[in-house]
N, C-alpha and C. Protein backbone atom coordinates (compact mmCIF):
# COMPACT_ATOMS: atom_id res chain seq x y z
N MET A 1 0.84 -1.17 0.00
CA MET A 1 0.00 0.00 0.00
C MET A 1 0.89 1.25 0.00
N ASP A 2 0.61 2.17 -0.91
CA ASP A 2 1.39 3.40 -0.98
C ASP A 2 0.98 4.35 0.14
N LYS A 3 1.96 4.92 0.77
CA LYS A 3 1.69 5.90 1.81
C LYS A 3 1.96 7.29 1.23
N LEU A 4 1.03 8.18 1.45
CA LEU A 4 1.21 9.56 1.02
C LEU A 4 1.96 10.31 2.10
N ILE A 5 2.94 11.04 1.70
CA ILE A 5 3.68 11.85 2.64
C ILE A 5 3.13 13.26 2.55
N HIS A 6 2.59 13.73 3.67
CA HIS A 6 2.03 15.08 3.69
C HIS A 6 3.12 16.06 4.11
N ARG A 7 3.43 16.95 3.22
CA ARG A 7 4.43 17.98 3.51
C ARG A 7 3.69 19.24 3.95
N PRO A 8 4.04 19.81 5.09
CA PRO A 8 3.35 21.02 5.53
C PRO A 8 3.52 22.14 4.51
N GLU A 9 2.48 22.92 4.36
CA GLU A 9 2.52 24.02 3.40
C GLU A 9 3.43 25.13 3.91
N ARG A 10 4.23 25.67 3.00
CA ARG A 10 5.11 26.79 3.35
C ARG A 10 4.32 28.09 3.32
N VAL A 11 4.66 28.98 4.20
CA VAL A 11 4.10 30.33 4.22
C VAL A 11 5.24 31.28 3.86
N LEU A 12 5.00 32.10 2.84
CA LEU A 12 6.02 33.01 2.34
C LEU A 12 5.77 34.42 2.85
N ARG A 13 6.81 35.11 3.22
CA ARG A 13 6.70 36.51 3.62
C ARG A 13 6.68 37.37 2.36
N ALA A 14 6.32 38.65 2.51
CA ALA A 14 6.12 39.55 1.38
C ALA A 14 7.33 39.60 0.44
N LYS A 15 8.52 39.71 0.98
CA LYS A 15 9.72 39.81 0.12
C LYS A 15 9.90 38.55 -0.71
N ALA A 16 9.66 37.38 -0.11
CA ALA A 16 9.79 36.12 -0.85
C ALA A 16 8.74 36.03 -1.95
N VAL A 17 7.53 36.52 -1.67
CA VAL A 17 6.47 36.52 -2.68
C VAL A 17 6.86 37.45 -3.82
N GLN A 18 7.33 38.64 -3.49
CA GLN A 18 7.74 39.60 -4.52
C GLN A 18 8.84 39.02 -5.40
N ASP A 19 9.80 38.36 -4.79
CA ASP A 19 10.88 37.72 -5.56
C ASP A 19 10.32 36.63 -6.46
N ARG A 20 9.37 35.86 -5.95
CA ARG A 20 8.79 34.75 -6.71
C ARG A 20 8.00 35.25 -7.91
N ILE A 21 7.23 36.33 -7.73
CA ILE A 21 6.38 36.80 -8.84
C ILE A 21 7.07 37.86 -9.69
N GLY A 22 8.23 38.31 -9.26
CA GLY A 22 9.01 39.23 -10.08
C GLY A 22 8.52 40.66 -10.08
N CYS A 23 8.11 41.16 -8.93
CA CYS A 23 7.69 42.56 -8.87
C CYS A 23 8.25 43.20 -7.61
N GLY A 24 8.19 44.51 -7.58
CA GLY A 24 8.68 45.25 -6.42
C GLY A 24 7.59 45.48 -5.39
N ASN A 25 7.98 46.15 -4.33
CA ASN A 25 7.10 46.42 -3.21
C ASN A 25 5.83 47.18 -3.62
N SER A 26 5.99 48.27 -4.37
CA SER A 26 4.84 49.09 -4.75
C SER A 26 3.84 48.31 -5.59
N LYS A 27 4.32 47.60 -6.59
CA LYS A 27 3.44 46.82 -7.47
C LYS A 27 2.74 45.72 -6.69
N PHE A 28 3.45 45.07 -5.78
CA PHE A 28 2.87 43.99 -4.98
C PHE A 28 1.69 44.51 -4.17
N TYR A 29 1.88 45.62 -3.47
CA TYR A 29 0.79 46.14 -2.65
C TYR A 29 -0.33 46.74 -3.50
N GLU A 30 0.01 47.20 -4.69
CA GLU A 30 -1.01 47.66 -5.64
C GLU A 30 -1.90 46.48 -6.06
N LEU A 31 -1.30 45.34 -6.35
CA LEU A 31 -2.06 44.13 -6.70
C LEU A 31 -2.97 43.70 -5.55
N LEU A 32 -2.44 43.75 -4.32
CA LEU A 32 -3.25 43.38 -3.15
C LEU A 32 -4.43 44.32 -2.97
N LYS A 33 -4.16 45.62 -3.05
CA LYS A 33 -5.21 46.61 -2.85
C LYS A 33 -6.32 46.49 -3.89
N ALA A 34 -5.94 46.14 -5.13
CA ALA A 34 -6.91 46.00 -6.22
C ALA A 34 -7.64 44.66 -6.17
N GLY A 35 -7.26 43.78 -5.25
CA GLY A 35 -7.89 42.46 -5.17
C GLY A 35 -7.44 41.52 -6.27
N GLU A 36 -6.30 41.81 -6.89
CA GLU A 36 -5.78 41.00 -7.99
C GLU A 36 -4.78 39.94 -7.53
N PHE A 37 -4.54 39.87 -6.23
CA PHE A 37 -3.63 38.89 -5.67
C PHE A 37 -4.27 38.32 -4.42
N PRO A 38 -4.05 37.04 -4.12
CA PRO A 38 -4.69 36.44 -2.94
C PRO A 38 -4.32 37.19 -1.66
N PRO A 39 -5.27 37.33 -0.75
CA PRO A 39 -4.97 38.01 0.51
C PRO A 39 -4.01 37.18 1.36
N GLY A 40 -3.29 37.85 2.22
CA GLY A 40 -2.36 37.17 3.11
C GLY A 40 -3.08 36.54 4.29
N ILE A 41 -2.32 35.81 5.07
CA ILE A 41 -2.84 35.21 6.30
C ILE A 41 -2.02 35.75 7.47
N ARG A 42 -2.68 35.93 8.58
CA ARG A 42 -2.00 36.44 9.79
C ARG A 42 -1.15 35.31 10.36
N ILE A 43 0.14 35.58 10.56
CA ILE A 43 1.02 34.56 11.13
C ILE A 43 1.62 35.03 12.45
N GLY A 44 1.23 36.18 12.90
CA GLY A 44 1.69 36.74 14.16
C GLY A 44 0.95 38.04 14.40
N SER A 45 1.21 38.68 15.51
CA SER A 45 0.49 39.91 15.82
C SER A 45 0.78 41.02 14.81
N ARG A 46 1.98 41.01 14.23
CA ARG A 46 2.33 42.03 13.25
C ARG A 46 2.91 41.43 11.97
N SER A 47 2.63 40.17 11.73
CA SER A 47 3.21 39.47 10.58
C SER A 47 2.14 38.88 9.68
N VAL A 48 2.37 39.00 8.39
CA VAL A 48 1.46 38.44 7.39
C VAL A 48 2.29 37.60 6.43
N GLY A 49 1.71 36.52 5.96
CA GLY A 49 2.37 35.67 4.98
C GLY A 49 1.37 35.20 3.94
N TRP A 50 1.86 34.52 2.93
CA TRP A 50 1.02 34.00 1.85
C TRP A 50 1.32 32.53 1.67
N ARG A 51 0.26 31.73 1.52
CA ARG A 51 0.44 30.30 1.29
C ARG A 51 1.13 30.11 -0.06
N GLU A 52 2.18 29.30 -0.06
CA GLU A 52 2.94 29.05 -1.28
C GLU A 52 2.05 28.52 -2.39
N SER A 53 1.10 27.66 -2.06
CA SER A 53 0.21 27.08 -3.08
C SER A 53 -0.64 28.16 -3.74
N GLN A 54 -1.07 29.17 -2.97
CA GLN A 54 -1.87 30.25 -3.56
C GLN A 54 -1.02 31.13 -4.46
N VAL A 55 0.22 31.36 -4.07
CA VAL A 55 1.13 32.15 -4.91
C VAL A 55 1.39 31.41 -6.22
N GLU A 56 1.65 30.11 -6.14
CA GLU A 56 1.90 29.31 -7.34
C GLU A 56 0.66 29.25 -8.24
N ALA A 57 -0.52 29.15 -7.64
CA ALA A 57 -1.77 29.14 -8.42
C ALA A 57 -1.96 30.47 -9.13
N TRP A 58 -1.63 31.56 -8.46
CA TRP A 58 -1.75 32.88 -9.08
C TRP A 58 -0.81 33.00 -10.28
N ILE A 59 0.42 32.54 -10.10
CA ILE A 59 1.39 32.58 -11.21
C ILE A 59 0.87 31.75 -12.39
N ALA A 60 0.34 30.57 -12.11
CA ALA A 60 -0.17 29.69 -13.17
C ALA A 60 -1.37 30.30 -13.88
N SER A 61 -2.11 31.17 -13.20
CA SER A 61 -3.31 31.77 -13.80
C SER A 61 -3.00 32.96 -14.71
N ARG A 62 -1.78 33.44 -14.68
CA ARG A 62 -1.41 34.61 -15.47
C ARG A 62 -1.32 34.23 -16.95
N PRO A 63 -1.74 35.14 -17.84
CA PRO A 63 -1.69 34.82 -19.27
C PRO A 63 -0.25 34.73 -19.78
N LEU A 64 -0.07 33.85 -20.74
CA LEU A 64 1.23 33.73 -21.40
C LEU A 64 1.41 34.88 -22.37
N VAL A 65 2.63 35.28 -22.63
CA VAL A 65 2.93 36.39 -23.52
C VAL A 65 3.69 35.86 -24.72
N ASP A 66 3.25 36.27 -25.90
CA ASP A 66 3.95 35.92 -27.14
C ASP A 66 4.87 37.08 -27.48
N LEU A 67 6.16 36.90 -27.28
CA LEU A 67 7.12 37.98 -27.48
C LEU A 67 7.30 38.34 -28.95
N ARG A 68 6.73 37.56 -29.84
CA ARG A 68 6.81 37.88 -31.27
C ARG A 68 5.80 38.95 -31.65
N LYS A 69 4.80 39.17 -30.79
CA LYS A 69 3.77 40.18 -31.07
C LYS A 69 4.02 41.41 -30.22
N SER A 70 3.54 42.54 -30.72
CA SER A 70 3.69 43.77 -29.94
C SER A 70 2.73 43.74 -28.75
N HIS A 71 2.99 44.59 -27.80
CA HIS A 71 2.12 44.71 -26.62
C HIS A 71 0.69 45.02 -27.06
N ARG A 72 0.55 45.94 -28.00
CA ARG A 72 -0.77 46.36 -28.48
C ARG A 72 -1.53 45.18 -29.12
N GLU A 73 -0.83 44.36 -29.91
CA GLU A 73 -1.47 43.20 -30.55
C GLU A 73 -1.95 42.18 -29.53
N GLN A 74 -1.18 41.98 -28.47
CA GLN A 74 -1.53 40.97 -27.48
C GLN A 74 -2.69 41.36 -26.60
N PHE A 75 -2.79 42.63 -26.27
CA PHE A 75 -3.77 43.06 -25.28
C PHE A 75 -4.88 43.91 -25.87
N ALA A 76 -5.04 43.88 -27.18
CA ALA A 76 -6.11 44.65 -27.83
C ALA A 76 -7.45 43.96 -27.67
């Protein structure tokens, strides 16, 4: 019988999330404020983190870009 190994989910702090998604501080908080990024979870009285699975799902949901087309052609 196969046993599943449950690995605890990682919680990423803001800087790690920004590094993972490739944006800076201002853009990250802009995405949060606009509701375009999953909300964080409270991990302490003054600490917030993001579930790694939610960050990865958000990345996977982003549209692919065809670099052979201009920006205008892709998003028209």
